[in-house]
């Protein structure tokens, strides 16, 4: 799934509608960014790039975030985003590995969007 598809599925999971006419205009203009035009929310919604969009998405979907060391704890870590049903069953579990010193915020945003997209894929 490419970044655009991840964003569309994440928006679906969060109950956000894409303003299709405005999005089509933007896409046709070839501006080169992936952000979505979300009805009554944002003209360039992109939780892959924006910490605020990612946090709001995680809160809206009740995602649990965790960071764990992975392999060599001095060089590698993993960020995990998880969503659960009320009875404790995991409905989405996504992780992003990162080398310490890399952009840990980017890895966290991507884990959030991937978990949200997994929820969106399960929706009719």
C-alpha atoms as a PDB file:
ATOM      1  CA  UNK A   1       0.000   0.000   0.000  1.00  0.00           C
ATOM      2  CA  UNK A   2       1.466   3.385  -0.930  1.00  0.00           C
ATOM      3  CA  UNK A   3       1.345   6.465   1.308  1.00  0.00           C
ATOM      4  CA  UNK A   4      -1.739   7.883  -0.397  1.00  0.00           C
ATOM      5  CA  UNK A   5      -3.660   4.636   0.091  1.00  0.00           C
ATOM      6  CA  UNK A   6      -2.531   4.492   3.743  1.00  0.00           C
ATOM      7  CA  UNK A   7      -3.893   7.997   4.300  1.00  0.00           C
ATOM      8  CA  UNK A   8      -7.197   7.209   2.582  1.00  0.00           C
ATOM      9  CA  UNK A   9      -7.711   4.066   4.685  1.00  0.00           C
ATOM     10  CA  UNK A  10      -6.704   5.924   7.871  1.00  0.00           C
ATOM     11  CA  UNK A  11      -9.197   8.698   7.080  1.00  0.00           C
ATOM     12  CA  UNK A  12     -11.883   6.072   6.501  1.00  0.00           C
ATOM     13  CA  UNK A  13     -11.125   4.469   9.887  1.00  0.00           C
ATOM     14  CA  UNK A  14     -11.472   7.863  11.572  1.00  0.00           C
ATOM     15  CA  UNK A  15     -14.787   8.567   9.836  1.00  0.00           C
ATOM     16  CA  UNK A  16     -13.333  11.442   7.826  1.00  0.00           C
ATOM     17  CA  UNK A  17     -14.612  12.205   4.351  1.00  0.00           C
ATOM     18  CA  UNK A  18     -12.361  13.367   1.543  1.00  0.00           C
ATOM     19  CA  UNK A  19     -13.597  16.429  -0.334  1.00  0.00           C
ATOM     20  CA  UNK A  20     -13.297  14.700  -3.690  1.00  0.00           C
ATOM     21  CA  UNK A  21     -13.667  17.703  -6.013  1.00  0.00           C
ATOM     22  CA  UNK A  22     -11.004  19.753  -4.216  1.00  0.00           C
ATOM     23  CA  UNK A  23      -8.733  16.719  -3.890  1.00  0.00           C
ATOM     24  CA  UNK A  24      -9.064  16.038  -7.628  1.00  0.00           C
ATOM     25  CA  UNK A  25      -8.109  19.656  -8.382  1.00  0.00           C
ATOM     26  CA  UNK A  26      -5.040  19.355  -6.193  1.00  0.00           C
ATOM     27  CA  UNK A  27      -4.068  16.018  -7.690  1.00  0.00           C
ATOM     28  CA  UNK A  28      -4.488  17.365 -11.232  1.00  0.00           C
ATOM     29  CA  UNK A  29      -2.285  20.339 -10.350  1.00  0.00           C
ATOM     30  CA  UNK A  30       0.602  17.981  -9.620  1.00  0.00           C
ATOM     31  CA  UNK A  31       1.685  19.678  -6.415  1.00  0.00           C
ATOM     32  CA  UNK A  32       3.539  16.531  -5.405  1.00  0.00           C
ATOM     33  CA  UNK A  33       2.342  16.215  -1.817  1.00  0.00           C
ATOM     34  CA  UNK A  34       0.262  13.417  -0.435  1.00  0.00           C
ATOM     35  CA  UNK A  35      -1.981  15.332   1.987  1.00  0.00           C
ATOM     36  CA  UNK A  36      -5.734  14.843   1.743  1.00  0.00           C
ATOM     37  CA  UNK A  37      -8.439  17.491   1.623  1.00  0.00           C
ATOM     38  CA  UNK A  38     -10.655  16.357   4.507  1.00  0.00           C
ATOM     39  CA  UNK A  39     -14.184  17.741   4.847  1.00  0.00           C
ATOM     40  CA  UNK A  40     -14.405  20.268   7.718  1.00  0.00           C
ATOM     41  CA  UNK A  41     -10.988  19.230   9.083  1.00  0.00           C
ATOM     42  CA  UNK A  42      -8.028  20.173   6.908  1.00  0.00           C
ATOM     43  CA  UNK A  43      -7.034  21.164   3.402  1.00  0.00           C
ATOM     44  CA  UNK A  44      -3.867  19.079   3.696  1.00  0.00           C
ATOM     45  CA  UNK A  45      -4.385  16.311   6.273  1.00  0.00           C
ATOM     46  CA  UNK A  46      -1.279  14.184   6.510  1.00  0.00           C
ATOM     47  CA  UNK A  47      -0.564  12.311   9.743  1.00  0.00           C
ATOM     48  CA  UNK A  48       2.489  10.755   8.059  1.00  0.00           C
ATOM     49  CA  UNK A  49       4.117  14.204   8.163  1.00  0.00           C
ATOM     50  CA  UNK A  50       2.223  16.173  10.827  1.00  0.00           C
ATOM     51  CA  UNK A  51       2.581  15.284  14.514  1.00  0.00           C
ATOM     52  CA  UNK A  52      -0.743  16.954  15.399  1.00  0.00           C
ATOM     53  CA  UNK A  53      -2.679  15.060  12.724  1.00  0.00           C
ATOM     54  CA  UNK A  54      -1.069  11.813  13.886  1.00  0.00           C
ATOM     55  CA  UNK A  55      -1.877  12.441  17.556  1.00  0.00           C
ATOM     56  CA  UNK A  56      -5.496  13.342  16.797  1.00  0.00           C
ATOM     57  CA  UNK A  57      -5.816  10.176  14.692  1.00  0.00           C
ATOM     58  CA  UNK A  58      -4.351   8.000  17.458  1.00  0.00           C
ATOM     59  CA  UNK A  59      -6.661   9.518  20.072  1.00  0.00           C
ATOM     60  CA  UNK A  60      -9.755   9.274  17.860  1.00  0.00           C
ATOM     61  CA  UNK A  61      -9.098   5.570  17.238  1.00  0.00           C
ATOM     62  CA  UNK A  62      -7.957   4.813  20.797  1.00  0.00           C
ATOM     63  CA  UNK A  63      -4.563   3.552  19.655  1.00  0.00           C
ATOM     64  CA  UNK A  64      -2.007   2.437  22.210  1.00  0.00           C
ATOM     65  CA  UNK A  65       1.590   3.436  21.483  1.00  0.00           C
ATOM     66  CA  UNK A  66       4.675   1.768  22.838  1.00  0.00           C
ATOM     67  CA  UNK A  67       8.377   2.045  22.131  1.00  0.00           C
ATOM     68  CA  UNK A  68      10.632  -0.908  22.787  1.00  0.00           C
ATOM     69  CA  UNK A  69      14.269  -1.562  22.256  1.00  0.00           C
ATOM     70  CA  UNK A  70      14.918  -4.085  19.536  1.00  0.00           C
ATOM     71  CA  UNK A  71      17.981  -6.181  18.785  1.00  0.00           C
ATOM     72  CA  UNK A  72      20.834  -4.066  20.186  1.00  0.00           C
ATOM     73  CA  UNK A  73      19.179  -1.636  22.643  1.00  0.00           C
ATOM     74  CA  UNK A  74      21.882   0.953  22.047  1.00  0.00           C
ATOM     75  CA  UNK A  75      21.188   1.190  18.307  1.00  0.00           C
ATOM     76  CA  UNK A  76      17.688  -0.091  17.466  1.00  0.00           C
ATOM     77  CA  UNK A  77      14.157   0.456  18.715  1.00  0.00           C
ATOM     78  CA  UNK A  78      10.662  -0.354  17.516  1.00  0.00           C
ATOM     79  CA  UNK A  79       7.525   1.764  17.776  1.00  0.00           C
ATOM     80  CA  UNK A  80       4.270  -0.167  18.092  1.00  0.00           C
ATOM     81  CA  UNK A  81       0.754   1.166  17.516  1.00  0.00           C
ATOM     82  CA  UNK A  82      -2.113  -1.075  18.547  1.00  0.00           C
ATOM     83  CA  UNK A  83      -5.913  -0.893  18.613  1.00  0.00           C
ATOM     84  CA  UNK A  84      -8.045  -3.163  20.775  1.00  0.00           C
ATOM     85  CA  UNK A  85     -11.689  -4.103  21.032  1.00  0.00           C
ATOM     86  CA  UNK A  86     -13.455  -3.529  24.343  1.00  0.00           C
ATOM     87  CA  UNK A  87     -12.892  -7.181  25.270  1.00  0.00           C
ATOM     88  CA  UNK A  88      -9.133  -6.924  24.690  1.00  0.00           C
ATOM     89  CA  UNK A  89      -8.781  -8.411  21.223  1.00  0.00           C
ATOM     90  CA  UNK A  90      -6.196  -6.700  18.999  1.00  0.00           C
ATOM     91  CA  UNK A  91      -7.791  -5.422  15.798  1.00  0.00           C
ATOM     92  CA  UNK A  92      -4.706  -3.638  14.466  1.00  0.00           C
ATOM     93  CA  UNK A  93      -1.075  -4.060  15.415  1.00  0.00           C
ATOM     94  CA  UNK A  94       1.635  -2.293  13.425  1.00  0.00           C
ATOM     95  CA  UNK A  95       5.253  -1.604  14.187  1.00  0.00           C
ATOM     96  CA  UNK A  96       8.022   0.494  12.683  1.00  0.00           C
ATOM     97  CA  UNK A  97      11.668  -0.188  13.368  1.00  0.00           C
ATOM     98  CA  UNK A  98      14.147   2.616  13.627  1.00  0.00           C
ATOM     99  CA  UNK A  99      17.831   3.061  14.179  1.00  0.00           C
ATOM    100  CA  UNK A 100      18.358   5.309  17.179  1.00  0.00           C
ATOM    101  CA  UNK A 101      19.330   8.740  15.999  1.00  0.00           C
ATOM    102  CA  UNK A 102      16.888   8.518  13.098  1.00  0.00           C
ATOM    103  CA  UNK A 103      13.590  10.360  13.151  1.00  0.00           C
ATOM    104  CA  UNK A 104      11.679   8.606  15.942  1.00  0.00           C
ATOM    105  CA  UNK A 105       8.713  10.922  15.362  1.00  0.00           C
ATOM    106  CA  UNK A 106       8.460   9.817  11.729  1.00  0.00           C
ATOM    107  CA  UNK A 107       8.487   6.158  12.778  1.00  0.00           C
ATOM    108  CA  UNK A 108       5.783   6.834  15.372  1.00  0.00           C
ATOM    109  CA  UNK A 109       3.580   8.690  12.868  1.00  0.00           C
ATOM    110  CA  UNK A 110       3.964   5.869  10.329  1.00  0.00           C
ATOM    111  CA  UNK A 111       3.047   3.215  12.936  1.00  0.00           C
ATOM    112  CA  UNK A 112      -0.082   5.212  13.833  1.00  0.00           C
ATOM    113  CA  UNK A 113      -1.158   5.603  10.198  1.00  0.00           C
ATOM    114  CA  UNK A 114      -0.477   1.945   9.392  1.00  0.00           C
ATOM    115  CA  UNK A 115      -2.600   0.812  12.362  1.00  0.00           C
ATOM    116  CA  UNK A 116      -5.376   3.205  11.369  1.00  0.00           C
ATOM    117  CA  UNK A 117      -5.216   1.991   7.768  1.00  0.00           C
ATOM    118  CA  UNK A 118      -5.492  -1.605   8.968  1.00  0.00           C
ATOM    119  CA  UNK A 119      -8.691  -0.651  10.787  1.00  0.00           C
ATOM    120  CA  UNK A 120      -9.986   1.140   7.689  1.00  0.00           C
ATOM    121  CA  UNK A 121      -9.319  -1.926   5.537  1.00  0.00           C
ATOM    122  CA  UNK A 122     -11.515  -4.004   7.818  1.00  0.00           C
ATOM    123  CA  UNK A 123     -14.431  -1.608   7.430  1.00  0.00           C
ATOM    124  CA  UNK A 124     -17.107  -2.148   4.768  1.00  0.00           C
END
